[in-house]
Amino acid sequence: VENLLKVRFGEIDNELQAIIEPLLALSPEKFTPLLLQL
């Protein structure tokens, strides 16, 4: 998750850091499309 966020948005600020844990609660099949599309 962290690597995908870095690729999409450059650096991981506090807002992005805060969403890593909730995204990890999802399966990779669910969080990967979200990270790539939203």
PDB file of all heavy atoms in Angstrom:
ATOM      1  N   VAL A   1       0.832  -1.190   0.000  1.00  0.00           N
ATOM      2  CA  VAL A   1       0.000   0.000   0.000  1.00  0.00           C
ATOM      3  C   VAL A   1       0.871   1.247   0.000  1.00  0.00           C
ATOM      4  O   VAL A   1       0.654   2.175  -0.787  1.00  0.00           O
ATOM      5  CB  VAL A   1      -0.968   0.015   1.211  1.00  0.00           C
ATOM      6  CG1 VAL A   1      -1.643   1.355   1.367  1.00  0.00           C
ATOM      7  CG2 VAL A   1      -2.019  -1.074   1.057  1.00  0.00           C
ATOM      8  N   GLU A   2       1.865   1.259   0.850  1.00  0.00           N
ATOM      9  CA  GLU A   2       2.740   2.423   0.950  1.00  0.00           C
ATOM     10  C   GLU A   2       3.460   2.686  -0.375  1.00  0.00           C
ATOM     11  O   GLU A   2       3.564   3.832  -0.818  1.00  0.00           O
ATOM     12  CB  GLU A   2       3.740   2.229   2.080  1.00  0.00           C
ATOM     13  CG  GLU A   2       4.519   3.481   2.389  1.00  0.00           C
ATOM     14  CD  GLU A   2       5.336   3.355   3.664  1.00  0.00           C
ATOM     15  OE1 GLU A   2       5.077   2.450   4.475  1.00  0.00           O
ATOM     16  OE2 GLU A   2       6.240   4.188   3.824  1.00  0.00           O
ATOM     17  N   ASN A   3       3.931   1.633  -1.015  1.00  0.00           N
ATOM     18  CA  ASN A   3       4.622   1.799  -2.296  1.00  0.00           C
ATOM     19  C   ASN A   3       3.694   2.338  -3.369  1.00  0.00           C
ATOM     20  O   ASN A   3       4.084   3.208  -4.153  1.00  0.00           O
ATOM     21  CB  ASN A   3       5.235   0.472  -2.753  1.00  0.00           C
ATOM     22  CG  ASN A   3       6.429   0.082  -1.926  1.00  0.00           C
ATOM     23  OD1 ASN A   3       7.092   0.928  -1.345  1.00  0.00           O
ATOM     24  ND2 ASN A   3       6.704  -1.205  -1.860  1.00  0.00           N
ATOM     25  N   LEU A   4       2.474   1.845  -3.425  1.00  0.00           N
ATOM     26  CA  LEU A   4       1.518   2.344  -4.416  1.00  0.00           C
ATOM     27  C   LEU A   4       1.175   3.812  -4.160  1.00  0.00           C
ATOM     28  O   LEU A   4       1.037   4.597  -5.103  1.00  0.00           O
ATOM     29  CB  LEU A   4       0.248   1.490  -4.424  1.00  0.00           C
ATOM     30  CG  LEU A   4       0.387   0.116  -5.069  1.00  0.00           C
ATOM     31  CD1 LEU A   4      -0.858  -0.733  -4.818  1.00  0.00           C
ATOM     32  CD2 LEU A   4       0.638   0.240  -6.558  1.00  0.00           C
ATOM     33  N   LEU A   5       1.043   4.181  -2.898  1.00  0.00           N
ATOM     34  CA  LEU A   5       0.770   5.586  -2.575  1.00  0.00           C
ATOM     35  C   LEU A   5       1.938   6.472  -2.999  1.00  0.00           C
ATOM     36  O   LEU A   5       1.723   7.569  -3.531  1.00  0.00           O
ATOM     37  CB  LEU A   5       0.498   5.746  -1.074  1.00  0.00           C
ATOM     38  CG  LEU A   5      -0.831   5.197  -0.568  1.00  0.00           C
ATOM     39  CD1 LEU A   5      -0.879   5.236   0.952  1.00  0.00           C
ATOM     40  CD2 LEU A   5      -2.007   5.965  -1.158  1.00  0.00           C
ATOM     41  N   LYS A   6       3.159   6.018  -2.788  1.00  0.00           N
ATOM     42  CA  LYS A   6       4.329   6.792  -3.193  1.00  0.00           C
ATOM     43  C   LYS A   6       4.376   6.972  -4.711  1.00  0.00           C
ATOM     44  O   LYS A   6       4.692   8.051  -5.207  1.00  0.00           O
ATOM     45  CB  LYS A   6       5.613   6.115  -2.712  1.00  0.00           C
ATOM     46  CG  LYS A   6       5.886   6.289  -1.247  1.00  0.00           C
ATOM     47  CD  LYS A   6       7.189   5.606  -0.871  1.00  0.00           C
ATOM     48  CE  LYS A   6       7.437   5.699   0.612  1.00  0.00           C
ATOM     49  NZ  LYS A   6       8.669   4.979   0.998  1.00  0.00           N
ATOM     50  N   VAL A   7       4.066   5.913  -5.437  1.00  0.00           N
ATOM     51  CA  VAL A   7       4.086   5.993  -6.901  1.00  0.00           C
ATOM     52  C   VAL A   7       3.015   6.964  -7.394  1.00  0.00           C
ATOM     53  O   VAL A   7       3.268   7.783  -8.271  1.00  0.00           O
ATOM     54  CB  VAL A   7       3.885   4.592  -7.525  1.00  0.00           C
ATOM     55  CG1 VAL A   7       3.618   4.682  -9.022  1.00  0.00           C
ATOM     56  CG2 VAL A   7       5.098   3.719  -7.247  1.00  0.00           C
ATOM     57  N   ARG A   8       1.831   6.888  -6.813  1.00  0.00           N
ATOM     58  CA  ARG A   8       0.724   7.757  -7.266  1.00  0.00           C
ATOM     59  C   ARG A   8       0.887   9.201  -6.862  1.00  0.00           C
ATOM     60  O   ARG A   8       0.602  10.108  -7.638  1.00  0.00           O
ATOM     61  CB  ARG A   8      -0.610   7.298  -6.660  1.00  0.00           C
ATOM     62  CG  ARG A   8      -1.328   6.154  -7.228  1.00  0.00           C
ATOM     63  CD  ARG A   8      -2.157   6.309  -8.467  1.00  0.00           C
ATOM     64  NE  ARG A   8      -2.959   7.442  -8.771  1.00  0.00           N
ATOM     65  CZ  ARG A   8      -4.234   7.603  -8.503  1.00  0.00           C
ATOM     66  NH1 ARG A   8      -4.886   6.692  -7.830  1.00  0.00           N
ATOM     67  NH2 ARG A   8      -4.882   8.665  -8.894  1.00  0.00           N
ATOM     68  N   PHE A   9       1.306   9.437  -5.607  1.00  0.00           N
ATOM     69  CA  PHE A   9       1.226  10.788  -5.055  1.00  0.00           C
ATOM     70  C   PHE A   9       2.577  11.394  -4.676  1.00  0.00           C
ATOM     71  O   PHE A   9       2.622  12.492  -4.141  1.00  0.00           O
ATOM     72  CB  PHE A   9       0.299  10.783  -3.827  1.00  0.00           C
ATOM     73  CG  PHE A   9      -1.069  10.254  -4.149  1.00  0.00           C
ATOM     74  CD1 PHE A   9      -1.504   9.047  -3.613  1.00  0.00           C
ATOM     75  CD2 PHE A   9      -1.929  10.941  -4.980  1.00  0.00           C
ATOM     76  CE1 PHE A   9      -2.760   8.544  -3.905  1.00  0.00           C
ATOM     77  CE2 PHE A   9      -3.194  10.457  -5.281  1.00  0.00           C
ATOM     78  CZ  PHE A   9      -3.604   9.248  -4.741  1.00  0.00           C
ATOM     79  N   GLY A  10       3.657  10.692  -4.937  1.00  0.00           N
ATOM     80  CA  GLY A  10       4.979  11.227  -4.617  1.00  0.00           C
ATOM     81  C   GLY A  10       5.378  10.889  -3.202  1.00  0.00           C
ATOM     82  O   GLY A  10       5.824   9.789  -2.930  1.00  0.00           O
ATOM     83  N   GLU A  11       5.184  11.816  -2.309  1.00  0.00           N
ATOM     84  CA  GLU A  11       5.529  11.552  -0.913  1.00  0.00           C
ATOM     85  C   GLU A  11       4.283  11.186  -0.116  1.00  0.00           C
ATOM     86  O   GLU A  11       3.168  11.449  -0.535  1.00  0.00           O
ATOM     87  CB  GLU A  11       6.205  12.775  -0.288  1.00  0.00           C
ATOM     88  CG  GLU A  11       5.279  13.970  -0.161  1.00  0.00           C
ATOM     89  CD  GLU A  11       5.974  15.144   0.487  1.00  0.00           C
ATOM     90  OE1 GLU A  11       6.746  15.818  -0.197  1.00  0.00           O
ATOM     91  OE2 GLU A  11       5.734  15.365   1.687  1.00  0.00           O
ATOM     92  N   ILE A  12       4.517  10.574   1.029  1.00  0.00           N
ATOM     93  CA  ILE A  12       3.406  10.205   1.910  1.00  0.00           C
ATOM     94  C   ILE A  12       3.364  11.205   3.051  1.00  0.00           C
ATOM     95  O   ILE A  12       4.226  11.201   3.926  1.00  0.00           O
ATOM     96  CB  ILE A  12       3.570   8.770   2.437  1.00  0.00           C
ATOM     97  CG1 ILE A  12       3.527   7.810   1.257  1.00  0.00           C
ATOM     98  CG2 ILE A  12       2.482   8.447   3.454  1.00  0.00           C
ATOM     99  CD1 ILE A  12       3.666   6.365   1.625  1.00  0.00           C
ATOM    100  N   ASP A  13       2.346  12.065   3.001  1.00  0.00           N
ATOM    101  CA  ASP A  13       2.179  13.054   4.064  1.00  0.00           C
ATOM    102  C   ASP A  13       1.313  12.452   5.175  1.00  0.00           C
ATOM    103  O   ASP A  13       0.987  11.257   5.152  1.00  0.00           O
ATOM    104  CB  ASP A  13       1.582  14.350   3.517  1.00  0.00           C
ATOM    105  CG  ASP A  13       0.220  14.157   2.882  1.00  0.00           C
ATOM    106  OD1 ASP A  13      -0.408  13.087   3.060  1.00  0.00           O
ATOM    107  OD2 ASP A  13      -0.243  15.095   2.204  1.00  0.00           O
ATOM    108  N   ASN A  14       0.934  13.262   6.143  1.00  0.00           N
ATOM    109  CA  ASN A  14       0.161  12.763   7.289  1.00  0.00           C
ATOM    110  C   ASN A  14      -1.198  12.212   6.877  1.00  0.00           C
ATOM    111  O   ASN A  14      -1.656  11.214   7.432  1.00  0.00           O
ATOM    112  CB  ASN A  14      -0.021  13.868   8.334  1.00  0.00           C
ATOM    113  CG  ASN A  14       1.281  14.203   9.026  1.00  0.00           C
ATOM    114  OD1 ASN A  14       2.210  13.413   9.022  1.00  0.00           O
ATOM    115  ND2 ASN A  14       1.357  15.380   9.617  1.00  0.00           N
ATOM    116  N   GLU A  15      -1.860  12.859   5.907  1.00  0.00           N
ATOM    117  CA  GLU A  15      -3.169  12.375   5.457  1.00  0.00           C
ATOM    118  C   GLU A  15      -3.059  10.998   4.829  1.00  0.00           C
ATOM    119  O   GLU A  15      -3.856  10.109   5.116  1.00  0.00           O
ATOM    120  CB  GLU A  15      -3.795  13.340   4.453  1.00  0.00           C
ATOM    121  CG  GLU A  15      -4.417  14.561   5.053  1.00  0.00           C
ATOM    122  CD  GLU A  15      -5.114  15.396   4.008  1.00  0.00           C
ATOM    123  OE1 GLU A  15      -4.517  15.660   2.953  1.00  0.00           O
ATOM    124  OE2 GLU A  15      -6.275  15.773   4.260  1.00  0.00           O
ATOM    125  N   LEU A  16      -2.076  10.823   3.975  1.00  0.00           N
ATOM    126  CA  LEU A  16      -1.891   9.517   3.340  1.00  0.00           C
ATOM    127  C   LEU A  16      -1.403   8.478   4.337  1.00  0.00           C
ATOM    128  O   LEU A  16      -1.810   7.316   4.276  1.00  0.00           O
ATOM    129  CB  LEU A  16      -0.929   9.631   2.157  1.00  0.00           C
ATOM    130  CG  LEU A  16      -1.437  10.437   0.961  1.00  0.00           C
ATOM    131  CD1 LEU A  16      -0.348  10.547  -0.101  1.00  0.00           C
ATOM    132  CD2 LEU A  16      -2.699   9.825   0.370  1.00  0.00           C
ATOM    133  N   GLN A  17      -0.554   8.863   5.250  1.00  0.00           N
ATOM    134  CA  GLN A  17      -0.079   7.934   6.285  1.00  0.00           C
ATOM    135  C   GLN A  17      -1.257   7.393   7.092  1.00  0.00           C
ATOM    136  O   GLN A  17      -1.285   6.217   7.447  1.00  0.00           O
ATOM    137  CB  GLN A  17       0.927   8.642   7.202  1.00  0.00           C
ATOM    138  CG  GLN A  17       1.569   7.732   8.225  1.00  0.00           C
ATOM    139  CD  GLN A  17       2.474   6.686   7.591  1.00  0.00           C
ATOM    140  OE1 GLN A  17       3.237   6.978   6.680  1.00  0.00           O
ATOM    141  NE2 GLN A  17       2.393   5.476   8.068  1.00  0.00           N
ATOM    142  N   ALA A  18      -2.233   8.254   7.349  1.00  0.00           N
ATOM    143  CA  ALA A  18      -3.388   7.857   8.167  1.00  0.00           C
ATOM    144  C   ALA A  18      -4.287   6.846   7.487  1.00  0.00           C
ATOM    145  O   ALA A  18      -5.034   6.139   8.166  1.00  0.00           O
ATOM    146  CB  ALA A  18      -4.192   9.099   8.547  1.00  0.00           C
ATOM    147  N   ILE A  19      -4.229   6.734   6.164  1.00  0.00           N
ATOM    148  CA  ILE A  19      -5.131   5.794   5.482  1.00  0.00           C
ATOM    149  C   ILE A  19      -4.495   4.441   5.204  1.00  0.00           C
ATOM    150  O   ILE A  19      -5.168   3.528   4.745  1.00  0.00           O
ATOM    151  CB  ILE A  19      -5.703   6.391   4.177  1.00  0.00           C
ATOM    152  CG1 ILE A  19      -4.618   6.554   3.119  1.00  0.00           C
ATOM    153  CG2 ILE A  19      -6.446   7.678   4.459  1.00  0.00           C
ATOM    154  CD1 ILE A  19      -5.136   6.905   1.750  1.00  0.00           C
ATOM    155  N   ILE A  20      -3.210   4.299   5.497  1.00  0.00           N
ATOM    156  CA  ILE A  20      -2.542   3.026   5.206  1.00  0.00           C
ATOM    157  C   ILE A  20      -3.158   1.889   6.012  1.00  0.00           C
ATOM    158  O   ILE A  20      -3.496   0.835   5.456  1.00  0.00           O
ATOM    159  CB  ILE A  20      -1.020   3.132   5.442  1.00  0.00           C
ATOM    160  CG1 ILE A  20      -0.411   4.058   4.394  1.00  0.00           C
ATOM    161  CG2 ILE A  20      -0.364   1.754   5.407  1.00  0.00           C
ATOM    162  CD1 ILE A  20       1.060   4.360   4.595  1.00  0.00           C
ATOM    163  N   GLU A  21      -3.332   2.067   7.299  1.00  0.00           N
ATOM    164  CA  GLU A  21      -3.892   0.999   8.142  1.00  0.00           C
ATOM    165  C   GLU A  21      -5.301   0.584   7.709  1.00  0.00           C
ATOM    166  O   GLU A  21      -5.571  -0.611   7.571  1.00  0.00           O
ATOM    167  CB  GLU A  21      -3.873   1.419   9.606  1.00  0.00           C
ATOM    168  CG  GLU A  21      -4.326   0.311  10.548  1.00  0.00           C
ATOM    169  CD  GLU A  21      -4.284   0.740  11.998  1.00  0.00           C
ATOM    170  OE1 GLU A  21      -3.521   1.648  12.347  1.00  0.00           O
ATOM    171  OE2 GLU A  21      -5.031   0.134  12.782  1.00  0.00           O
ATOM    172  N   PRO A  22      -6.216   1.540   7.485  1.00  0.00           N
ATOM    173  CA  PRO A  22      -7.547   1.133   7.021  1.00  0.00           C
ATOM    174  C   PRO A  22      -7.516   0.394   5.683  1.00  0.00           C
ATOM    175  O   PRO A  22      -8.276  -0.551   5.476  1.00  0.00           O
ATOM    176  CB  PRO A  22      -8.319   2.450   6.898  1.00  0.00           C
ATOM    177  CG  PRO A  22      -7.615   3.395   7.786  1.00  0.00           C
ATOM    178  CD  PRO A  22      -6.176   2.968   7.785  1.00  0.00           C
ATOM    179  N   LEU A  23      -6.618   0.801   4.794  1.00  0.00           N
ATOM    180  CA  LEU A  23      -6.529   0.103   3.507  1.00  0.00           C
ATOM    181  C   LEU A  23      -5.971  -1.310   3.673  1.00  0.00           C
ATOM    182  O   LEU A  23      -6.386  -2.234   2.971  1.00  0.00           O
ATOM    183  CB  LEU A  23      -5.671   0.903   2.529  1.00  0.00           C
ATOM    184  CG  LEU A  23      -6.309   2.182   2.006  1.00  0.00           C
ATOM    185  CD1 LEU A  23      -5.302   2.993   1.215  1.00  0.00           C
ATOM    186  CD2 LEU A  23      -7.535   1.885   1.178  1.00  0.00           C
ATOM    187  N   LEU A  24      -5.058  -1.484   4.614  1.00  0.00           N
ATOM    188  CA  LEU A  24      -4.495  -2.815   4.853  1.00  0.00           C
ATOM    189  C   LEU A  24      -5.525  -3.782   5.438  1.00  0.00           C
ATOM    190  O   LEU A  24      -5.321  -4.994   5.399  1.00  0.00           O
ATOM    191  CB  LEU A  24      -3.279  -2.725   5.768  1.00  0.00           C
ATOM    192  CG  LEU A  24      -2.028  -2.134   5.127  1.00  0.00           C
ATOM    193  CD1 LEU A  24      -0.950  -1.918   6.169  1.00  0.00           C
ATOM    194  CD2 LEU A  24      -1.522  -3.031   4.006  1.00  0.00           C
ATOM    195  N   ALA A  25      -6.622  -3.246   5.969  1.00  0.00           N
ATOM    196  CA  ALA A  25      -7.689  -4.104   6.479  1.00  0.00           C
ATOM    197  C   ALA A  25      -8.443  -4.778   5.330  1.00  0.00           C
ATOM    198  O   ALA A  25      -9.149  -5.760   5.543  1.00  0.00           O
ATOM    199  CB  ALA A  25      -8.654  -3.293   7.342  1.00  0.00           C
ATOM    200  N   LEU A  26      -8.273  -4.244   4.125  1.00  0.00           N
ATOM    201  CA  LEU A  26      -8.903  -4.825   2.940  1.00  0.00           C
ATOM    202  C   LEU A  26      -7.959  -5.840   2.303  1.00  0.00           C
ATOM    203  O   LEU A  26      -6.750  -5.787   2.507  1.00  0.00           O
ATOM    204  CB  LEU A  26      -9.209  -3.727   1.913  1.00  0.00           C
ATOM    205  CG  LEU A  26     -10.101  -2.583   2.371  1.00  0.00           C
ATOM    206  CD1 LEU A  26     -10.134  -1.497   1.307  1.00  0.00           C
ATOM    207  CD2 LEU A  26     -11.494  -3.085   2.675  1.00  0.00           C
ATOM    208  N   SER A  27      -8.515  -6.715   1.497  1.00  0.00           N
ATOM    209  CA  SER A  27      -7.676  -7.642   0.749  1.00  0.00           C
ATOM    210  C   SER A  27      -6.971  -6.882  -0.382  1.00  0.00           C
ATOM    211  O   SER A  27      -7.459  -5.842  -0.828  1.00  0.00           O
ATOM    212  CB  SER A  27      -8.530  -8.765   0.154  1.00  0.00           C
ATOM    213  OG  SER A  27      -9.372  -8.247  -0.863  1.00  0.00           O
ATOM    214  N   PRO A  28      -5.830  -7.400  -0.850  1.00  0.00           N
ATOM    215  CA  PRO A  28      -5.148  -6.739  -1.970  1.00  0.00           C
ATOM    216  C   PRO A  28      -6.041  -6.601  -3.212  1.00  0.00           C
ATOM    217  O   PRO A  28      -5.933  -5.624  -3.944  1.00  0.00           O
ATOM    218  CB  PRO A  28      -3.956  -7.653  -2.262  1.00  0.00           C
ATOM    219  CG  PRO A  28      -3.682  -8.322  -0.964  1.00  0.00           C
ATOM    220  CD  PRO A  28      -5.036  -8.511  -0.320  1.00  0.00           C
ATOM    221  N   GLU A  29      -6.933  -7.553  -3.404  1.00  0.00           N
ATOM    222  CA  GLU A  29      -7.842  -7.488  -4.544  1.00  0.00           C
ATOM    223  C   GLU A  29      -8.794  -6.299  -4.443  1.00  0.00           C
ATOM    224  O   GLU A  29      -9.267  -5.783  -5.450  1.00  0.00           O
ATOM    225  CB  GLU A  29      -8.655  -8.787  -4.665  1.00  0.00           C
ATOM    226  CG  GLU A  29      -7.837 -10.005  -5.035  1.00  0.00           C
ATOM    227  CD  GLU A  29      -7.099 -10.622  -3.849  1.00  0.00           C
ATOM    228  OE1 GLU A  29      -7.407 -10.333  -2.672  1.00  0.00           O
ATOM    229  OE2 GLU A  29      -6.163 -11.406  -4.104  1.00  0.00           O
ATOM    230  N   LYS A  30      -9.064  -5.875  -3.214  1.00  0.00           N
ATOM    231  CA  LYS A  30      -9.963  -4.738  -3.024  1.00  0.00           C
ATOM    232  C   LYS A  30      -9.211  -3.415  -2.976  1.00  0.00           C
ATOM    233  O   LYS A  30      -9.659  -2.423  -3.536  1.00  0.00           O
ATOM    234  CB  LYS A  30     -10.786  -4.918  -1.749  1.00  0.00           C
ATOM    235  CG  LYS A  30     -11.805  -6.025  -1.878  1.00  0.00           C
ATOM    236  CD  LYS A  30     -12.694  -6.099  -0.671  1.00  0.00           C
ATOM    237  CE  LYS A  30     -13.694  -7.234  -0.853  1.00  0.00           C
ATOM    238  NZ  LYS A  30     -14.588  -7.342   0.282  1.00  0.00           N
ATOM    239  N   PHE A  31      -8.048  -3.372  -2.283  1.00  0.00           N
ATOM    240  CA  PHE A  31      -7.389  -2.076  -2.152  1.00  0.00           C
ATOM    241  C   PHE A  31      -6.595  -1.664  -3.386  1.00  0.00           C
ATOM    242  O   PHE A  31      -6.443  -0.480  -3.652  1.00  0.00           O
ATOM    243  CB  PHE A  31      -6.545  -1.957  -0.881  1.00  0.00           C
ATOM    244  CG  PHE A  31      -5.263  -2.747  -0.822  1.00  0.00           C
ATOM    245  CD1 PHE A  31      -4.196  -2.458  -1.647  1.00  0.00           C
ATOM    246  CD2 PHE A  31      -5.112  -3.749   0.118  1.00  0.00           C
ATOM    247  CE1 PHE A  31      -3.001  -3.162  -1.559  1.00  0.00           C
ATOM    248  CE2 PHE A  31      -3.930  -4.456   0.222  1.00  0.00           C
ATOM    249  CZ  PHE A  31      -2.871  -4.158  -0.633  1.00  0.00           C
ATOM    250  N   THR A  32      -6.108  -2.608  -4.181  1.00  0.00           N
ATOM    251  CA  THR A  32      -5.304  -2.238  -5.346  1.00  0.00           C
ATOM    252  C   THR A  32      -6.083  -1.397  -6.360  1.00  0.00           C
ATOM    253  O   THR A  32      -5.606  -0.334  -6.766  1.00  0.00           O
ATOM    254  CB  THR A  32      -4.682  -3.480  -6.005  1.00  0.00           C
ATOM    255  OG1 THR A  32      -3.872  -4.158  -5.035  1.00  0.00           O
ATOM    256  CG2 THR A  32      -3.830  -3.108  -7.201  1.00  0.00           C
ATOM    257  N   PRO A  33      -7.287  -1.817  -6.775  1.00  0.00           N
ATOM    258  CA  PRO A  33      -8.031  -0.953  -7.712  1.00  0.00           C
ATOM    259  C   PRO A  33      -8.353   0.421  -7.125  1.00  0.00           C
ATOM    260  O   PRO A  33      -8.323   1.421  -7.841  1.00  0.00           O
ATOM    261  CB  PRO A  33      -9.318  -1.736  -7.986  1.00  0.00           C
ATOM    262  CG  PRO A  33      -9.036  -3.129  -7.596  1.00  0.00           C
ATOM    263  CD  PRO A  33      -7.988  -3.067  -6.532  1.00  0.00           C
ATOM    264  N   LEU A  34      -8.638   0.471  -5.827  1.00  0.00           N
ATOM    265  CA  LEU A  34      -8.918   1.763  -5.196  1.00  0.00           C
ATOM    266  C   LEU A  34      -7.705   2.679  -5.293  1.00  0.00           C
ATOM    267  O   LEU A  34      -7.825   3.857  -5.637  1.00  0.00           O
ATOM    268  CB  LEU A  34      -9.296   1.571  -3.722  1.00  0.00           C
ATOM    269  CG  LEU A  34     -10.566   0.793  -3.436  1.00  0.00           C
ATOM    270  CD1 LEU A  34     -10.708   0.559  -1.937  1.00  0.00           C
ATOM    271  CD2 LEU A  34     -11.775   1.527  -3.974  1.00  0.00           C
ATOM    272  N   LEU A  35      -6.538   2.138  -4.984  1.00  0.00           N
ATOM    273  CA  LEU A  35      -5.313   2.937  -5.021  1.00  0.00           C
ATOM    274  C   LEU A  35      -4.977   3.413  -6.428  1.00  0.00           C
ATOM    275  O   LEU A  35      -4.381   4.468  -6.607  1.00  0.00           O
ATOM    276  CB  LEU A  35      -4.136   2.143  -4.459  1.00  0.00           C
ATOM    277  CG  LEU A  35      -4.168   1.891  -2.957  1.00  0.00           C
ATOM    278  CD1 LEU A  35      -3.043   0.962  -2.556  1.00  0.00           C
ATOM    279  CD2 LEU A  35      -4.052   3.197  -2.203  1.00  0.00           C
ATOM    280  N   LEU A  36      -5.354   2.635  -7.421  1.00  0.00           N
ATOM    281  CA  LEU A  36      -5.018   2.989  -8.794  1.00  0.00           C
ATOM    282  C   LEU A  36      -6.054   3.893  -9.450  1.00  0.00           C
ATOM    283  O   LEU A  36      -5.740   4.596 -10.407  1.00  0.00           O
ATOM    284  CB  LEU A  36      -4.838   1.714  -9.632  1.00  0.00           C
ATOM    285  CG  LEU A  36      -3.678   0.817  -9.212  1.00  0.00           C
ATOM    286  CD1 LEU A  36      -3.670  -0.453 -10.040  1.00  0.00           C
ATOM    287  CD2 LEU A  36      -2.355   1.550  -9.318  1.00  0.00           C
ATOM    288  N   GLN A  37      -7.296   3.888  -8.954  1.00  0.00           N
ATOM    289  CA  GLN A  37      -8.371   4.589  -9.650  1.00  0.00           C
ATOM    290  C   GLN A  37      -8.889   5.840  -8.951  1.00  0.00           C
ATOM    291  O   GLN A  37      -9.294   6.787  -9.624  1.00  0.00           O
ATOM    292  CB  GLN A  37      -9.551   3.635  -9.879  1.00  0.00           C
ATOM    293  CG  GLN A  37      -9.205   2.483 -10.783  1.00  0.00           C
ATOM    294  CD  GLN A  37     -10.303   1.452 -10.852  1.00  0.00           C
ATOM    295  OE1 GLN A  37     -11.382   1.637 -10.337  1.00  0.00           O
ATOM    296  NE2 GLN A  37     -10.010   0.339 -11.489  1.00  0.00           N
ATOM    297  N   LEU A  38      -8.900   5.850  -7.632  1.00  0.00           N
ATOM    298  CA  LEU A  38      -9.508   6.978  -6.933  1.00  0.00           C
ATOM    299  C   LEU A  38      -8.562   8.172  -6.862  1.00  0.00           C
ATOM    300  O   LEU A  38      -7.348   8.017  -6.798  1.00  0.00           O
ATOM    301  CB  LEU A  38      -9.895   6.575  -5.502  1.00  0.00           C
ATOM    302  CG  LEU A  38     -10.990   5.519  -5.358  1.00  0.00           C
ATOM    303  CD1 LEU A  38     -11.268   5.271  -3.880  1.00  0.00           C
ATOM    304  CD2 LEU A  38     -12.264   5.931  -6.066  1.00  0.00           C
TER     305      LEU A  38
END
